[in-house]
């Protein structure tokens, strides 16, 4: 895994967790859940760990990502 993907198993798992949380943050069905609830459900143990991994893999924070997803939904609804 380290040689093939260029990342450790831990990094690979965190990338999957971030990808899943991005899906939830962009889905209006999850608007009633807090960002922290989504991060914990994705498998992160704390807000700090979630924010650090999210920022590392997406160059934005979870709250910025959610705000942008909502703005994109509003713009496409017009």
PDB file of N, CA and C in Angstrom:
ATOM      1  N   UNK A   1       0.837  -1.198   0.000  1.00  0.00           N
ATOM      2  CA  UNK A   1       0.000   0.000   0.000  1.00  0.00           C
ATOM      3  C   UNK A   1       0.878   1.257   0.000  1.00  0.00           C
ATOM      4  N   UNK A   2       1.889   1.251   0.830  1.00  0.00           N
ATOM      5  CA  UNK A   2       2.781   2.417   0.896  1.00  0.00           C
ATOM      6  C   UNK A   2       3.442   2.682  -0.449  1.00  0.00           C
ATOM      7  N   UNK A   3       3.944   1.639  -1.092  1.00  0.00           N
ATOM      8  CA  UNK A   3       4.629   1.819  -2.369  1.00  0.00           C
ATOM      9  C   UNK A   3       3.642   2.088  -3.498  1.00  0.00           C
ATOM     10  N   UNK A   4       2.556   1.374  -3.516  1.00  0.00           N
ATOM     11  CA  UNK A   4       1.607   1.477  -4.626  1.00  0.00           C
ATOM     12  C   UNK A   4       0.875   2.817  -4.649  1.00  0.00           C
ATOM     13  N   UNK A   5       0.386   3.261  -3.491  1.00  0.00           N
ATOM     14  CA  UNK A   5      -0.393   4.495  -3.438  1.00  0.00           C
ATOM     15  C   UNK A   5       0.398   5.697  -2.932  1.00  0.00           C
ATOM     16  N   UNK A   6       1.583   5.430  -2.417  1.00  0.00           N
ATOM     17  CA  UNK A   6       2.401   6.513  -1.918  1.00  0.00           C
ATOM     18  C   UNK A   6       1.900   7.105  -0.616  1.00  0.00           C
ATOM     19  N   UNK A   7       1.178   6.320   0.155  1.00  0.00           N
ATOM     20  CA  UNK A   7       0.682   6.779   1.446  1.00  0.00           C
ATOM     21  C   UNK A   7       0.572   5.596   2.394  1.00  0.00           C
ATOM     22  N   UNK A   8       0.568   5.903   3.669  1.00  0.00           N
ATOM     23  CA  UNK A   8       0.445   4.845   4.670  1.00  0.00           C
ATOM     24  C   UNK A   8      -1.000   4.377   4.757  1.00  0.00           C
ATOM     25  N   UNK A   9      -1.182   3.258   5.414  1.00  0.00           N
ATOM     26  CA  UNK A   9      -2.529   2.739   5.628  1.00  0.00           C
ATOM     27  C   UNK A   9      -3.380   3.751   6.378  1.00  0.00           C
ATOM     28  N   UNK A  10      -2.796   4.382   7.394  1.00  0.00           N
ATOM     29  CA  UNK A  10      -3.500   5.387   8.185  1.00  0.00           C
ATOM     30  C   UNK A  10      -3.961   6.551   7.306  1.00  0.00           C
ATOM     31  N   UNK A  11      -3.083   7.027   6.415  1.00  0.00           N
ATOM     32  CA  UNK A  11      -3.453   8.113   5.504  1.00  0.00           C
ATOM     33  C   UNK A  11      -4.551   7.664   4.542  1.00  0.00           C
ATOM     34  N   UNK A  12      -4.455   6.442   4.060  1.00  0.00           N
ATOM     35  CA  UNK A  12      -5.466   5.899   3.144  1.00  0.00           C
ATOM     36  C   UNK A  12      -6.840   5.873   3.817  1.00  0.00           C
ATOM     37  N   UNK A  13      -6.886   5.386   5.042  1.00  0.00           N
ATOM     38  CA  UNK A  13      -8.154   5.324   5.781  1.00  0.00           C
ATOM     39  C   UNK A  13      -8.700   6.725   6.025  1.00  0.00           C
ATOM     40  N   UNK A  14      -7.839   7.652   6.411  1.00  0.00           N
ATOM     41  CA  UNK A  14      -8.307   9.017   6.645  1.00  0.00           C
ATOM     42  C   UNK A  14      -8.820   9.665   5.365  1.00  0.00           C
ATOM     43  N   UNK A  15      -8.193   9.359   4.241  1.00  0.00           N
ATOM     44  CA  UNK A  15      -8.692   9.886   2.965  1.00  0.00           C
ATOM     45  C   UNK A  15     -10.102   9.356   2.675  1.00  0.00           C
ATOM     46  N   UNK A  16     -10.314   8.080   2.925  1.00  0.00           N
ATOM     47  CA  UNK A  16     -11.652   7.510   2.742  1.00  0.00           C
ATOM     48  C   UNK A  16     -12.663   8.161   3.676  1.00  0.00           C
ATOM     49  N   UNK A  17     -12.258   8.402   4.906  1.00  0.00           N
ATOM     50  CA  UNK A  17     -13.146   9.053   5.878  1.00  0.00           C
ATOM     51  C   UNK A  17     -13.492  10.472   5.438  1.00  0.00           C
ATOM     52  N   UNK A  18     -12.505  11.201   4.949  1.00  0.00           N
ATOM     53  CA  UNK A  18     -12.751  12.564   4.468  1.00  0.00           C
ATOM     54  C   UNK A  18     -13.683  12.538   3.266  1.00  0.00           C
ATOM     55  N   UNK A  19     -13.460  11.625   2.350  1.00  0.00           N
ATOM     56  CA  UNK A  19     -14.319  11.508   1.165  1.00  0.00           C
ATOM     57  C   UNK A  19     -15.766  11.232   1.562  1.00  0.00           C
ATOM     58  N   UNK A  20     -15.954  10.348   2.528  1.00  0.00           N
ATOM     59  CA  UNK A  20     -17.312  10.045   3.000  1.00  0.00           C
ATOM     60  C   UNK A  20     -17.926  11.264   3.676  1.00  0.00           C
ATOM     61  N   UNK A  21     -17.154  11.966   4.472  1.00  0.00           N
ATOM     62  CA  UNK A  21     -17.718  13.138   5.143  1.00  0.00           C
ATOM     63  C   UNK A  21     -18.035  14.242   4.126  1.00  0.00           C
ATOM     64  N   UNK A  22     -17.245  14.364   3.070  1.00  0.00           N
ATOM     65  CA  UNK A  22     -17.550  15.335   2.016  1.00  0.00           C
ATOM     66  C   UNK A  22     -18.888  15.002   1.357  1.00  0.00           C
ATOM     67  N   UNK A  23     -19.113  13.724   1.123  1.00  0.00           N
ATOM     68  CA  UNK A  23     -20.388  13.307   0.530  1.00  0.00           C
ATOM     69  C   UNK A  23     -21.546  13.725   1.424  1.00  0.00           C
ATOM     70  N   UNK A  24     -21.397  13.507   2.710  1.00  0.00           N
ATOM     71  CA  UNK A  24     -22.456  13.856   3.660  1.00  0.00           C
ATOM     72  C   UNK A  24     -22.631  15.368   3.783  1.00  0.00           C
ATOM     73  N   UNK A  25     -21.537  16.098   3.821  1.00  0.00           N
ATOM     74  CA  UNK A  25     -21.624  17.553   3.941  1.00  0.00           C
ATOM     75  C   UNK A  25     -22.314  18.179   2.736  1.00  0.00           C
ATOM     76  N   UNK A  26     -22.185  17.571   1.580  1.00  0.00           N
ATOM     77  CA  UNK A  26     -22.802  18.101   0.360  1.00  0.00           C
ATOM     78  C   UNK A  26     -24.239  17.625   0.171  1.00  0.00           C
ATOM     79  N   UNK A  27     -24.661  16.619   0.917  1.00  0.00           N
ATOM     80  CA  UNK A  27     -25.995  16.022   0.767  1.00  0.00           C
ATOM     81  C   UNK A  27     -27.002  16.746   1.655  1.00  0.00           C
ATOM     82  N   UNK A  28     -28.070  17.304   1.066  1.00  0.00           N
ATOM     83  CA  UNK A  28     -29.054  18.017   1.883  1.00  0.00           C
ATOM     84  C   UNK A  28     -29.739  17.125   2.924  1.00  0.00           C
ATOM     85  N   UNK A  29     -29.706  15.841   2.739  1.00  0.00           N
ATOM     86  CA  UNK A  29     -30.295  14.926   3.719  1.00  0.00           C
ATOM     87  C   UNK A  29     -29.558  14.983   5.057  1.00  0.00           C
ATOM     88  N   UNK A  30     -28.323  15.493   5.058  1.00  0.00           N
ATOM     89  CA  UNK A  30     -27.516  15.568   6.274  1.00  0.00           C
ATOM     90  C   UNK A  30     -27.453  16.989   6.834  1.00  0.00           C
ATOM     91  N   UNK A  31     -28.269  17.905   6.312  1.00  0.00           N
ATOM     92  CA  UNK A  31     -28.244  19.292   6.789  1.00  0.00           C
ATOM     93  C   UNK A  31     -28.595  19.405   8.271  1.00  0.00           C
ATOM     94  N   UNK A  32     -29.349  18.467   8.795  1.00  0.00           N
ATOM     95  CA  UNK A  32     -29.725  18.497  10.204  1.00  0.00           C
ATOM     96  C   UNK A  32     -28.638  18.011  11.140  1.00  0.00           C
ATOM     97  N   UNK A  33     -27.582  17.448  10.596  1.00  0.00           N
ATOM     98  CA  UNK A  33     -26.475  16.961  11.424  1.00  0.00           C
ATOM     99  C   UNK A  33     -25.370  18.004  11.474  1.00  0.00           C
ATOM    100  N   UNK A  34     -24.762  18.118  12.632  1.00  0.00           N
ATOM    101  CA  UNK A  34     -23.642  19.053  12.755  1.00  0.00           C
ATOM    102  C   UNK A  34     -22.429  18.499  12.013  1.00  0.00           C
ATOM    103  N   UNK A  35     -21.496  19.377  11.739  1.00  0.00           N
ATOM    104  CA  UNK A  35     -20.263  18.968  11.080  1.00  0.00           C
ATOM    105  C   UNK A  35     -19.517  17.962  11.946  1.00  0.00           C
ATOM    106  N   UNK A  36     -19.496  18.202  13.249  1.00  0.00           N
ATOM    107  CA  UNK A  36     -18.817  17.274  14.157  1.00  0.00           C
ATOM    108  C   UNK A  36     -19.489  15.900  14.138  1.00  0.00           C
ATOM    109  N   UNK A  37     -20.807  15.855  14.127  1.00  0.00           N
ATOM    110  CA  UNK A  37     -21.512  14.570  14.063  1.00  0.00           C
ATOM    111  C   UNK A  37     -21.124  13.802  12.804  1.00  0.00           C
ATOM    112  N   UNK A  38     -21.020  14.496  11.700  1.00  0.00           N
ATOM    113  CA  UNK A  38     -20.633  13.851  10.442  1.00  0.00           C
ATOM    114  C   UNK A  38     -19.204  13.335  10.534  1.00  0.00           C
ATOM    115  N   UNK A  39     -18.311  14.121  11.096  1.00  0.00           N
ATOM    116  CA  UNK A  39     -16.924  13.693  11.250  1.00  0.00           C
ATOM    117  C   UNK A  39     -16.798  12.477  12.151  1.00  0.00           C
ATOM    118  N   UNK A  40     -17.523  12.483  13.251  1.00  0.00           N
ATOM    119  CA  UNK A  40     -17.476  11.337  14.165  1.00  0.00           C
ATOM    120  C   UNK A  40     -18.064  10.092  13.515  1.00  0.00           C
ATOM    121  N   UNK A  41     -19.156  10.271  12.763  1.00  0.00           N
ATOM    122  CA  UNK A  41     -19.776   9.136  12.073  1.00  0.00           C
ATOM    123  C   UNK A  41     -18.853   8.559  10.992  1.00  0.00           C
ATOM    124  N   UNK A  42     -18.002   9.415  10.420  1.00  0.00           N
ATOM    125  CA  UNK A  42     -17.065   8.949   9.404  1.00  0.00           C
ATOM    126  C   UNK A  42     -15.890   8.192  10.011  1.00  0.00           C
ATOM    127  N   UNK A  43     -15.744   8.263  11.339  1.00  0.00           N
ATOM    128  CA  UNK A  43     -14.708   7.484  12.002  1.00  0.00           C
ATOM    129  C   UNK A  43     -13.619   8.268  12.694  1.00  0.00           C
ATOM    130  N   UNK A  44     -13.722   9.592  12.698  1.00  0.00           N
ATOM    131  CA  UNK A  44     -12.732  10.387  13.406  1.00  0.00           C
ATOM    132  C   UNK A  44     -13.057  10.399  14.895  1.00  0.00           C
ATOM    133  N   UNK A  45     -12.019  10.497  15.727  1.00  0.00           N
ATOM    134  CA  UNK A  45     -12.197  10.420  17.175  1.00  0.00           C
ATOM    135  C   UNK A  45     -12.375  11.771  17.847  1.00  0.00           C
ATOM    136  N   UNK A  46     -12.043  12.836  17.133  1.00  0.00           N
ATOM    137  CA  UNK A  46     -12.141  14.162  17.734  1.00  0.00           C
ATOM    138  C   UNK A  46     -12.314  15.215  16.643  1.00  0.00           C
ATOM    139  N   UNK A  47     -12.744  16.377  17.081  1.00  0.00           N
ATOM    140  CA  UNK A  47     -12.907  17.498  16.162  1.00  0.00           C
ATOM    141  C   UNK A  47     -11.557  17.904  15.570  1.00  0.00           C
ATOM    142  N   UNK A  48     -10.519  17.919  16.410  1.00  0.00           N
ATOM    143  CA  UNK A  48      -9.186  18.320  15.938  1.00  0.00           C
ATOM    144  C   UNK A  48      -8.657  17.360  14.876  1.00  0.00           C
ATOM    145  N   UNK A  49      -8.810  16.069  15.096  1.00  0.00           N
ATOM    146  CA  UNK A  49      -8.336  15.080  14.125  1.00  0.00           C
ATOM    147  C   UNK A  49      -9.109  15.198  12.815  1.00  0.00           C
ATOM    148  N   UNK A  50     -10.410  15.403  12.927  1.00  0.00           N
ATOM    149  CA  UNK A  50     -11.256  15.548  11.741  1.00  0.00           C
ATOM    150  C   UNK A  50     -10.854  16.776  10.935  1.00  0.00           C
ATOM    151  N   UNK A  51     -10.740  17.912  11.613  1.00  0.00           N
ATOM    152  CA  UNK A  51     -10.391  19.146  10.907  1.00  0.00           C
ATOM    153  C   UNK A  51      -9.018  19.061  10.255  1.00  0.00           C
ATOM    154  N   UNK A  52      -8.053  18.484  10.948  1.00  0.00           N
ATOM    155  CA  UNK A  52      -6.699  18.377  10.402  1.00  0.00           C
ATOM    156  C   UNK A  52      -6.671  17.489   9.166  1.00  0.00           C
ATOM    157  N   UNK A  53      -7.316  16.336   9.234  1.00  0.00           N
ATOM    158  CA  UNK A  53      -7.337  15.422   8.082  1.00  0.00           C
ATOM    159  C   UNK A  53      -8.110  16.038   6.920  1.00  0.00           C
ATOM    160  N   UNK A  54      -9.244  16.661   7.222  1.00  0.00           N
ATOM    161  CA  UNK A  54     -10.061  17.264   6.174  1.00  0.00           C
ATOM    162  C   UNK A  54      -9.258  18.341   5.447  1.00  0.00           C
ATOM    163  N   UNK A  55      -8.612  19.198   6.204  1.00  0.00           N
ATOM    164  CA  UNK A  55      -7.817  20.280   5.614  1.00  0.00           C
ATOM    165  C   UNK A  55      -6.661  19.710   4.783  1.00  0.00           C
ATOM    166  N   UNK A  56      -6.058  18.645   5.269  1.00  0.00           N
ATOM    167  CA  UNK A  56      -4.923  18.049   4.562  1.00  0.00           C
ATOM    168  C   UNK A  56      -5.326  17.493   3.201  1.00  0.00           C
ATOM    169  N   UNK A  57      -6.484  16.834   3.147  1.00  0.00           N
ATOM    170  CA  UNK A  57      -6.883  16.165   1.908  1.00  0.00           C
ATOM    171  C   UNK A  57      -7.739  17.025   0.987  1.00  0.00           C
ATOM    172  N   UNK A  58      -8.289  18.128   1.488  1.00  0.00           N
ATOM    173  CA  UNK A  58      -9.161  18.914   0.619  1.00  0.00           C
ATOM    174  C   UNK A  58      -8.807  20.394   0.552  1.00  0.00           C
ATOM    175  N   UNK A  59      -7.774  20.830   1.281  1.00  0.00           N
ATOM    176  CA  UNK A  59      -7.336  22.230   1.261  1.00  0.00           C
ATOM    177  C   UNK A  59      -8.426  23.213   1.686  1.00  0.00           C
ATOM    178  N   UNK A  60      -9.375  22.746   2.457  1.00  0.00           N
ATOM    179  CA  UNK A  60     -10.428  23.597   3.002  1.00  0.00           C
ATOM    180  C   UNK A  60     -10.899  22.982   4.317  1.00  0.00           C
ATOM    181  N   UNK A  61     -11.650  23.733   5.087  1.00  0.00           N
ATOM    182  CA  UNK A  61     -12.194  23.192   6.327  1.00  0.00           C
ATOM    183  C   UNK A  61     -13.552  22.556   6.053  1.00  0.00           C
ATOM    184  N   UNK A  62     -14.030  21.711   6.946  1.00  0.00           N
ATOM    185  CA  UNK A  62     -15.355  21.121   6.748  1.00  0.00           C
ATOM    186  C   UNK A  62     -16.460  22.182   6.655  1.00  0.00           C
ATOM    187  N   UNK A  63     -16.374  23.223   7.466  1.00  0.00           N
ATOM    188  CA  UNK A  63     -17.418  24.251   7.418  1.00  0.00           C
ATOM    189  C   UNK A  63     -17.380  25.027   6.104  1.00  0.00           C
ATOM    190  N   UNK A  64     -16.188  25.313   5.601  1.00  0.00           N
ATOM    191  CA  UNK A  64     -16.083  25.986   4.294  1.00  0.00           C
ATOM    192  C   UNK A  64     -16.616  25.079   3.189  1.00  0.00           C
ATOM    193  N   UNK A  65     -16.304  23.801   3.282  1.00  0.00           N
ATOM    194  CA  UNK A  65     -16.773  22.838   2.279  1.00  0.00           C
ATOM    195  C   UNK A  65     -18.295  22.780   2.261  1.00  0.00           C
ATOM    196  N   UNK A  66     -18.905  22.706   3.455  1.00  0.00           N
ATOM    197  CA  UNK A  66     -20.367  22.641   3.545  1.00  0.00           C
ATOM    198  C   UNK A  66     -20.995  23.923   3.009  1.00  0.00           C
ATOM    199  N   UNK A  67     -20.447  25.066   3.364  1.00  0.00           N
ATOM    200  CA  UNK A  67     -20.977  26.339   2.883  1.00  0.00           C
ATOM    201  C   UNK A  67     -20.911  26.426   1.360  1.00  0.00           C
ATOM    202  N   UNK A  68     -19.809  25.984   0.788  1.00  0.00           N
ATOM    203  CA  UNK A  68     -19.673  25.996  -0.667  1.00  0.00           C
ATOM    204  C   UNK A  68     -20.653  25.036  -1.325  1.00  0.00           C
ATOM    205  N   UNK A  69     -20.850  23.873  -0.738  1.00  0.00           N
ATOM    206  CA  UNK A  69     -21.806  22.900  -1.281  1.00  0.00           C
ATOM    207  C   UNK A  69     -23.221  23.470  -1.247  1.00  0.00           C
ATOM    208  N   UNK A  70     -23.574  24.140  -0.168  1.00  0.00           N
ATOM    209  CA  UNK A  70     -24.902  24.756  -0.072  1.00  0.00           C
ATOM    210  C   UNK A  70     -25.052  25.873  -1.095  1.00  0.00           C
ATOM    211  N   UNK A  71     -24.020  26.675  -1.274  1.00  0.00           N
ATOM    212  CA  UNK A  71     -24.059  27.743  -2.271  1.00  0.00           C
ATOM    213  C   UNK A  71     -24.215  27.169  -3.676  1.00  0.00           C
ATOM    214  N   UNK A  72     -23.517  26.080  -3.954  1.00  0.00           N
ATOM    215  CA  UNK A  72     -23.635  25.436  -5.266  1.00  0.00           C
ATOM    216  C   UNK A  72     -25.030  24.893  -5.492  1.00  0.00           C
ATOM    217  N   UNK A  73     -25.623  24.314  -4.440  1.00  0.00           N
ATOM    218  CA  UNK A  73     -27.007  23.796  -4.569  1.00  0.00           C
ATOM    219  C   UNK A  73     -27.982  24.938  -4.829  1.00  0.00           C
ATOM    220  N   UNK A  74     -27.804  26.047  -4.111  1.00  0.00           N
ATOM    221  CA  UNK A  74     -28.702  27.197  -4.285  1.00  0.00           C
ATOM    222  C   UNK A  74     -28.567  27.791  -5.681  1.00  0.00           C
ATOM    223  N   UNK A  75     -27.350  27.857  -6.178  1.00  0.00           N
ATOM    224  CA  UNK A  75     -27.129  28.421  -7.516  1.00  0.00           C
ATOM    225  C   UNK A  75     -27.714  27.524  -8.597  1.00  0.00           C
ATOM    226  N   UNK A  76     -27.632  26.209  -8.400  1.00  0.00           N
ATOM    227  CA  UNK A  76     -28.168  25.294  -9.429  1.00  0.00           C
ATOM    228  C   UNK A  76     -29.681  25.191  -9.353  1.00  0.00           C
ATOM    229  N   UNK A  77     -30.287  25.615  -8.241  1.00  0.00           N
ATOM    230  CA  UNK A  77     -31.738  25.561  -8.103  1.00  0.00           C
ATOM    231  C   UNK A  77     -32.402  26.736  -8.805  1.00  0.00           C
ATOM    232  N   UNK A  78     -31.615  27.755  -9.151  1.00  0.00           N
ATOM    233  CA  UNK A  78     -32.180  28.942  -9.803  1.00  0.00           C
ATOM    234  C   UNK A  78     -32.416  28.728 -11.256  1.00  0.00           C
TER     235      UNK A  78
END
